[in-house]
């Protein structure tokens, strides 16, 4: 039931969900003209996740270590936590939802990796 061949298509789908949410949040921040911490947290989260995605794709092709994407993913999660708190305090509910959806996608990806590898 937890065969990697069956569950593998979920990984690109989760990648797409996270990239779309982070891109959308970045566009919202830039269009609203937000300055300071909120803008930089969104930029940092997007860049870190982009690096995580690129390194994960490269590791699937055998170009780099399979563990290279983990620090970038953890940095993304840290940025998302700070962005969630910042936007929550500012009352930007749409950005809270987008960042929460991105974070949920990252955590779902990690959980799926654990389930597939253990079985």
Protein backbone atom coordinates (compact mmCIF):
# COMPACT_ATOMS: atom_id res chain seq x y z
CA UNK A 1 0.00 0.00 0.00
CA UNK A 2 2.87 2.40 0.72
CA UNK A 3 4.81 1.38 -2.36
CA UNK A 4 6.94 4.24 -3.67
CA UNK A 5 5.78 3.60 -7.24
CA UNK A 6 2.19 4.30 -6.19
CA UNK A 7 2.85 7.38 -4.04
CA UNK A 8 5.66 8.95 -6.10
CA UNK A 9 3.31 11.17 -8.19
CA UNK A 10 2.33 13.04 -5.02
CA UNK A 11 5.82 14.52 -4.64
CA UNK A 12 5.66 16.71 -7.80
CA UNK A 13 2.10 17.69 -6.87
CA UNK A 14 3.21 18.85 -3.42
CA UNK A 15 6.13 20.69 -5.02
CA UNK A 16 3.69 22.48 -7.31
CA UNK A 17 1.39 23.42 -4.43
CA UNK A 18 4.26 24.89 -2.40
CA UNK A 19 5.76 26.78 -5.36
CA UNK A 20 2.36 28.22 -6.33
CA UNK A 21 1.59 29.31 -2.75
CA UNK A 22 5.01 30.89 -2.22
CA UNK A 23 4.93 32.64 -5.61
CA UNK A 24 1.41 33.92 -4.99
CA UNK A 25 2.38 35.20 -1.54
CA UNK A 26 5.46 36.92 -2.98
CA UNK A 27 3.35 38.61 -5.66
CA UNK A 28 0.83 39.77 -3.03
CA UNK A 29 3.59 41.21 -0.84
CA UNK A 30 5.18 43.08 -3.76
CA UNK A 31 1.87 44.39 -5.13
CA UNK A 32 0.79 45.66 -1.73
CA UNK A 33 4.07 47.49 -1.47
CA UNK A 34 4.93 45.93 1.85
CA UNK A 35 8.33 46.94 3.12
CA UNK A 36 10.65 45.55 5.74
CA UNK A 37 10.41 42.23 7.51
CA UNK A 38 7.32 40.85 5.76
CA UNK A 39 8.77 41.36 2.30
CA UNK A 40 12.17 39.90 3.17
CA UNK A 41 10.66 36.87 4.88
CA UNK A 42 8.63 36.08 1.75
CA UNK A 43 11.64 36.54 -0.50
CA UNK A 44 13.78 34.35 1.75
CA UNK A 45 11.12 31.62 1.94
CA UNK A 46 10.72 31.60 -1.84
CA UNK A 47 14.47 31.53 -2.56
CA UNK A 48 15.19 28.85 0.04
CA UNK A 49 12.41 26.62 -1.24
CA UNK A 50 13.48 27.15 -4.84
CA UNK A 51 16.99 26.02 -3.86
CA UNK A 52 15.51 23.05 -2.00
CA UNK A 53 13.47 22.05 -5.04
CA UNK A 54 16.41 22.39 -7.43
CA UNK A 55 18.70 20.37 -5.16
CA UNK A 56 16.02 17.69 -4.66
CA UNK A 57 15.55 17.36 -8.42
CA UNK A 58 19.32 17.23 -8.90
CA UNK A 59 19.61 14.51 -6.24
CA UNK A 60 16.99 12.40 -8.03
CA UNK A 61 19.22 12.49 -11.10
CA UNK A 62 22.24 11.50 -9.04
CA UNK A 63 24.06 14.82 -9.47
CA UNK A 64 24.26 15.74 -5.78
CA UNK A 65 23.72 14.13 -2.39
CA UNK A 66 20.17 13.17 -1.51
CA UNK A 67 20.51 15.14 1.74
CA UNK A 68 21.48 18.48 0.18
CA UNK A 69 17.89 19.75 0.00
CA UNK A 70 17.23 19.32 3.74
CA UNK A 71 18.97 22.47 5.04
CA UNK A 72 17.20 24.57 2.42
CA UNK A 73 13.87 23.01 3.35
CA UNK A 74 14.48 23.69 7.05
CA UNK A 75 15.43 27.30 6.30
CA UNK A 76 12.23 27.65 4.29
CA UNK A 77 10.20 26.36 7.21
CA UNK A 78 11.89 28.79 9.61
CA UNK A 79 11.15 31.69 7.24
CA UNK A 80 7.54 30.52 6.89
CA UNK A 81 7.06 30.35 10.66
CA UNK A 82 8.35 33.89 11.08
CA UNK A 83 6.28 35.07 8.09
CA UNK A 84 3.16 33.45 9.54
CA UNK A 85 3.65 35.21 12.86
CA UNK A 86 4.47 38.53 11.18
CA UNK A 87 1.46 38.47 8.83
CA UNK A 88 -0.82 37.25 11.61
CA UNK A 89 0.14 40.26 13.73
CA UNK A 90 -0.33 42.58 10.74
CA UNK A 91 -3.77 41.14 9.99
CA UNK A 92 -2.89 39.90 6.48
CA UNK A 93 -5.13 36.84 6.50
CA UNK A 94 -4.57 36.00 2.82
CA UNK A 95 -0.81 35.84 3.37
CA UNK A 96 -1.32 33.75 6.50
CA UNK A 97 -3.39 31.26 4.48
CA UNK A 98 -0.90 31.11 1.61
CA UNK A 99 2.07 30.61 3.93
CA UNK A 100 0.18 28.02 5.97
CA UNK A 101 -0.70 26.10 2.79
CA UNK A 102 2.94 26.21 1.68
CA UNK A 103 4.11 24.99 5.06
CA UNK A 104 1.49 22.22 5.05
CA UNK A 105 2.77 21.12 1.64
CA UNK A 106 6.35 20.97 2.91
CA UNK A 107 5.32 19.00 6.01
CA UNK A 108 3.19 16.64 3.89
CA UNK A 109 6.16 16.03 1.61
CA UNK A 110 8.35 15.21 4.60
CA UNK A 111 5.72 12.89 6.08
CA UNK A 112 5.27 11.11 2.76
CA UNK A 113 9.03 10.63 2.48
CA UNK A 114 9.12 9.03 5.93
CA UNK A 115 6.18 6.74 5.15
CA UNK A 116 7.54 5.62 1.78
CA UNK A 117 11.08 5.02 3.02
CA UNK A 118 10.03 3.04 6.11
CA UNK A 119 7.79 0.63 4.21
